[in-house]
Amino acid sequence: MLWNAFPGGKGAHFYNIWDGQRRLDAFRTKLNTDLRQALALLADGKLVPHVAARIPLTQVGEAVRLAESGTVVGKVVLVP
């Protein structure tokens, strides 16, 4: 309930991937709708991810260590 008490009427929603196995069609429809909305916000510049580091895929071990270290703010992105 607290996740939906953000200022301006904003809230949060979490996906239960196990629930998707029981109601697969409804899950896929909701996920598709939400992903389209999130990607549109990203494309419009209204959603800006915070990237802490970009690390080559060949250094995946280092990326995992960094992500798990608790020393970074933002996401660690693997670059192919």
N, C-alpha and C. Protein backbone atom coordinates (compact mmCIF):
# COMPACT_ATOMS: atom_id res chain seq x y z
N MET A 1 0.82 -1.19 0.00
CA MET A 1 0.00 0.00 0.00
C MET A 1 0.87 1.26 0.00
N LEU A 2 2.00 1.23 0.71
CA LEU A 2 2.86 2.41 0.77
C LEU A 2 3.46 2.77 -0.58
N TRP A 3 3.64 1.75 -1.45
CA TRP A 3 4.20 2.02 -2.77
C TRP A 3 3.28 2.89 -3.60
N ASN A 4 2.01 2.96 -3.27
CA ASN A 4 1.06 3.77 -4.03
C ASN A 4 0.71 5.07 -3.32
N ALA A 5 1.56 5.49 -2.40
CA ALA A 5 1.33 6.74 -1.67
C ALA A 5 2.34 7.81 -2.05
N PHE A 6 2.88 7.73 -3.24
CA PHE A 6 3.83 8.73 -3.70
C PHE A 6 3.11 10.04 -4.01
N PRO A 7 3.84 11.17 -3.91
CA PRO A 7 3.22 12.47 -4.25
C PRO A 7 2.73 12.50 -5.70
N GLY A 8 1.73 13.29 -5.95
CA GLY A 8 1.23 13.47 -7.31
C GLY A 8 0.45 12.28 -7.82
N GLY A 9 0.02 11.41 -6.93
CA GLY A 9 -0.77 10.25 -7.35
C GLY A 9 0.04 9.16 -8.03
N LYS A 10 1.36 9.25 -7.95
CA LYS A 10 2.21 8.24 -8.58
C LYS A 10 2.30 7.01 -7.70
N GLY A 11 2.54 5.88 -8.31
CA GLY A 11 2.63 4.63 -7.57
C GLY A 11 3.64 3.70 -8.20
N ALA A 12 3.70 2.52 -7.68
CA ALA A 12 4.63 1.52 -8.19
C ALA A 12 3.89 0.20 -8.36
N HIS A 13 4.35 -0.59 -9.30
CA HIS A 13 3.76 -1.90 -9.55
C HIS A 13 4.88 -2.91 -9.70
N PHE A 14 4.69 -4.05 -9.13
CA PHE A 14 5.70 -5.10 -9.20
C PHE A 14 5.12 -6.28 -9.97
N TYR A 15 5.97 -6.95 -10.72
CA TYR A 15 5.54 -8.11 -11.49
C TYR A 15 5.92 -9.38 -10.75
N ASN A 16 4.97 -10.25 -10.63
CA ASN A 16 5.19 -11.56 -10.05
C ASN A 16 5.31 -12.53 -11.22
N ILE A 17 6.54 -12.89 -11.56
CA ILE A 17 6.72 -13.74 -12.75
C ILE A 17 6.11 -15.12 -12.56
N TRP A 18 5.95 -15.56 -11.31
CA TRP A 18 5.30 -16.86 -11.07
C TRP A 18 3.81 -16.77 -11.37
N ASP A 19 3.22 -15.61 -11.12
CA ASP A 19 1.81 -15.42 -11.43
C ASP A 19 1.58 -15.50 -12.94
N GLY A 20 2.59 -15.09 -13.70
CA GLY A 20 2.49 -15.15 -15.15
C GLY A 20 2.32 -16.57 -15.67
N GLN A 21 2.78 -17.54 -14.91
CA GLN A 21 2.62 -18.93 -15.34
C GLN A 21 1.18 -19.40 -15.19
N ARG A 22 0.46 -18.82 -14.22
CA ARG A 22 -0.93 -19.23 -14.01
C ARG A 22 -1.89 -18.51 -14.94
N ARG A 23 -1.59 -17.26 -15.25
CA ARG A 23 -2.47 -16.45 -16.11
C ARG A 23 -1.62 -15.84 -17.22
N LEU A 24 -1.08 -16.67 -18.05
CA LEU A 24 -0.08 -16.26 -19.03
C LEU A 24 -0.58 -15.19 -19.99
N ASP A 25 -1.77 -15.34 -20.55
CA ASP A 25 -2.28 -14.35 -21.52
C ASP A 25 -2.46 -12.98 -20.88
N ALA A 26 -3.07 -12.94 -19.72
CA ALA A 26 -3.29 -11.65 -19.02
C ALA A 26 -1.96 -11.03 -18.63
N PHE A 27 -1.02 -11.86 -18.16
CA PHE A 27 0.30 -11.38 -17.77
C PHE A 27 1.03 -10.76 -18.96
N ARG A 28 1.02 -11.47 -20.08
CA ARG A 28 1.72 -10.96 -21.28
C ARG A 28 1.09 -9.67 -21.78
N THR A 29 -0.23 -9.57 -21.73
CA THR A 29 -0.92 -8.35 -22.18
C THR A 29 -0.52 -7.17 -21.31
N LYS A 30 -0.55 -7.35 -19.99
CA LYS A 30 -0.19 -6.27 -19.06
C LYS A 30 1.27 -5.90 -19.21
N LEU A 31 2.14 -6.89 -19.30
CA LEU A 31 3.56 -6.62 -19.46
C LEU A 31 3.84 -5.87 -20.76
N ASN A 32 3.20 -6.28 -21.84
CA ASN A 32 3.37 -5.63 -23.14
C ASN A 32 2.95 -4.16 -23.07
N THR A 33 1.80 -3.90 -22.46
CA THR A 33 1.30 -2.53 -22.33
C THR A 33 2.25 -1.68 -21.50
N ASP A 34 2.69 -2.21 -20.37
CA ASP A 34 3.57 -1.45 -19.49
C ASP A 34 4.94 -1.22 -20.12
N LEU A 35 5.48 -2.22 -20.81
CA LEU A 35 6.78 -2.03 -21.46
C LEU A 35 6.71 -1.00 -22.57
N ARG A 36 5.63 -1.01 -23.33
CA ARG A 36 5.47 0.01 -24.39
C ARG A 36 5.44 1.41 -23.78
N GLN A 37 4.73 1.55 -22.66
CA GLN A 37 4.64 2.85 -22.01
C GLN A 37 6.01 3.28 -21.47
N ALA A 38 6.73 2.36 -20.83
CA ALA A 38 8.05 2.67 -20.29
C ALA A 38 9.03 3.03 -21.40
N LEU A 39 9.01 2.28 -22.50
CA LEU A 39 9.92 2.57 -23.61
C LEU A 39 9.58 3.88 -24.30
N ALA A 40 8.30 4.24 -24.36
CA ALA A 40 7.89 5.53 -24.92
C ALA A 40 8.41 6.67 -24.03
N LEU A 41 8.30 6.53 -22.72
CA LEU A 41 8.83 7.54 -21.80
C LEU A 41 10.34 7.67 -21.95
N LEU A 42 11.00 6.55 -22.12
CA LEU A 42 12.45 6.55 -22.32
C LEU A 42 12.81 7.27 -23.62
N ALA A 43 12.09 6.96 -24.69
CA ALA A 43 12.34 7.59 -26.00
C ALA A 43 12.08 9.08 -25.97
N ASP A 44 11.09 9.51 -25.18
CA ASP A 44 10.76 10.94 -25.07
C ASP A 44 11.66 11.69 -24.11
N GLY A 45 12.56 10.98 -23.44
CA GLY A 45 13.46 11.63 -22.50
C GLY A 45 12.81 11.93 -21.16
N LYS A 46 11.63 11.40 -20.91
CA LYS A 46 10.94 11.64 -19.64
C LYS A 46 11.36 10.64 -18.57
N LEU A 47 11.95 9.57 -18.99
CA LEU A 47 12.48 8.55 -18.09
C LEU A 47 13.97 8.45 -18.38
N VAL A 48 14.78 8.78 -17.40
CA VAL A 48 16.22 8.80 -17.60
C VAL A 48 16.88 7.83 -16.62
N PRO A 49 17.38 6.71 -17.12
CA PRO A 49 18.03 5.76 -16.22
C PRO A 49 19.37 6.29 -15.73
N HIS A 50 19.71 5.94 -14.52
CA HIS A 50 21.01 6.34 -13.98
C HIS A 50 21.97 5.17 -14.19
N VAL A 51 22.95 5.37 -15.05
CA VAL A 51 23.93 4.33 -15.37
C VAL A 51 25.21 4.64 -14.60
N ALA A 52 25.59 3.73 -13.73
CA ALA A 52 26.80 3.91 -12.93
C ALA A 52 28.05 3.55 -13.73
N ALA A 53 27.95 2.50 -14.56
CA ALA A 53 29.11 2.06 -15.33
C ALA A 53 28.66 1.27 -16.54
N ARG A 54 29.45 1.38 -17.60
CA ARG A 54 29.26 0.56 -18.80
C ARG A 54 30.51 -0.30 -18.94
N ILE A 55 30.30 -1.61 -18.92
CA ILE A 55 31.44 -2.54 -18.92
C ILE A 55 31.26 -3.52 -20.07
N PRO A 56 32.35 -3.80 -20.82
CA PRO A 56 32.25 -4.76 -21.93
C PRO A 56 31.78 -6.13 -21.45
N LEU A 57 31.00 -6.79 -22.27
CA LEU A 57 30.47 -8.11 -21.96
C LEU A 57 31.58 -9.10 -21.63
N THR A 58 32.75 -8.91 -22.24
CA THR A 58 33.87 -9.81 -21.98
C THR A 58 34.37 -9.70 -20.54
N GLN A 59 33.95 -8.66 -19.82
CA GLN A 59 34.36 -8.46 -18.43
C GLN A 59 33.16 -8.62 -17.49
N VAL A 60 32.31 -9.59 -17.80
CA VAL A 60 31.08 -9.79 -17.03
C VAL A 60 31.35 -10.04 -15.54
N GLY A 61 32.41 -10.73 -15.23
CA GLY A 61 32.75 -10.99 -13.83
C GLY A 61 32.98 -9.70 -13.07
N GLU A 62 33.71 -8.78 -13.66
CA GLU A 62 33.97 -7.48 -13.04
C GLU A 62 32.66 -6.70 -12.88
N ALA A 63 31.79 -6.79 -13.87
CA ALA A 63 30.51 -6.09 -13.79
C ALA A 63 29.66 -6.61 -12.63
N VAL A 64 29.63 -7.92 -12.46
CA VAL A 64 28.87 -8.52 -11.37
C VAL A 64 29.46 -8.11 -10.03
N ARG A 65 30.78 -8.15 -9.91
CA ARG A 65 31.43 -7.73 -8.65
C ARG A 65 31.08 -6.29 -8.32
N LEU A 66 31.13 -5.43 -9.33
CA LEU A 66 30.82 -4.02 -9.10
C LEU A 66 29.36 -3.84 -8.70
N ALA A 67 28.46 -4.50 -9.41
CA ALA A 67 27.03 -4.37 -9.11
C ALA A 67 26.71 -4.86 -7.70
N GLU A 68 27.38 -5.91 -7.27
CA GLU A 68 27.12 -6.49 -5.95
C GLU A 68 27.89 -5.81 -4.82
N SER A 69 28.80 -4.91 -5.17
CA SER A 69 29.67 -4.30 -4.16
C SER A 69 28.94 -3.31 -3.25
N GLY A 70 27.84 -2.78 -3.72
CA GLY A 70 27.13 -1.78 -2.92
C GLY A 70 27.79 -0.42 -2.96
N THR A 71 28.74 -0.24 -3.85
CA THR A 71 29.47 1.03 -3.92
C THR A 71 29.01 1.93 -5.06
N VAL A 72 28.12 1.44 -5.89
CA VAL A 72 27.68 2.23 -7.04
C VAL A 72 26.22 2.68 -6.87
N VAL A 73 25.94 3.84 -7.42
CA VAL A 73 24.56 4.34 -7.46
C VAL A 73 24.13 4.28 -8.91
N GLY A 74 23.13 3.48 -9.20
CA GLY A 74 22.68 3.30 -10.57
C GLY A 74 22.96 1.89 -11.04
N LYS A 75 22.75 1.68 -12.30
CA LYS A 75 22.87 0.35 -12.89
C LYS A 75 24.23 0.15 -13.56
N VAL A 76 24.67 -1.08 -13.52
CA VAL A 76 25.89 -1.48 -14.24
C VAL A 76 25.41 -2.13 -15.54
N VAL A 77 25.82 -1.57 -16.66
CA VAL A 77 25.34 -2.01 -17.97
C VAL A 77 26.43 -2.79 -18.69
N LEU A 78 26.06 -3.98 -19.18
CA LEU A 78 27.00 -4.75 -19.99
C LEU A 78 26.86 -4.33 -21.45
N VAL A 79 27.98 -4.05 -22.07
CA VAL A 79 27.99 -3.59 -23.47
C VAL A 79 28.55 -4.71 -24.35
N PRO A 80 27.74 -5.17 -25.34
CA PRO A 80 28.23 -6.24 -26.23
C PRO A 80 29.38 -5.78 -27.09
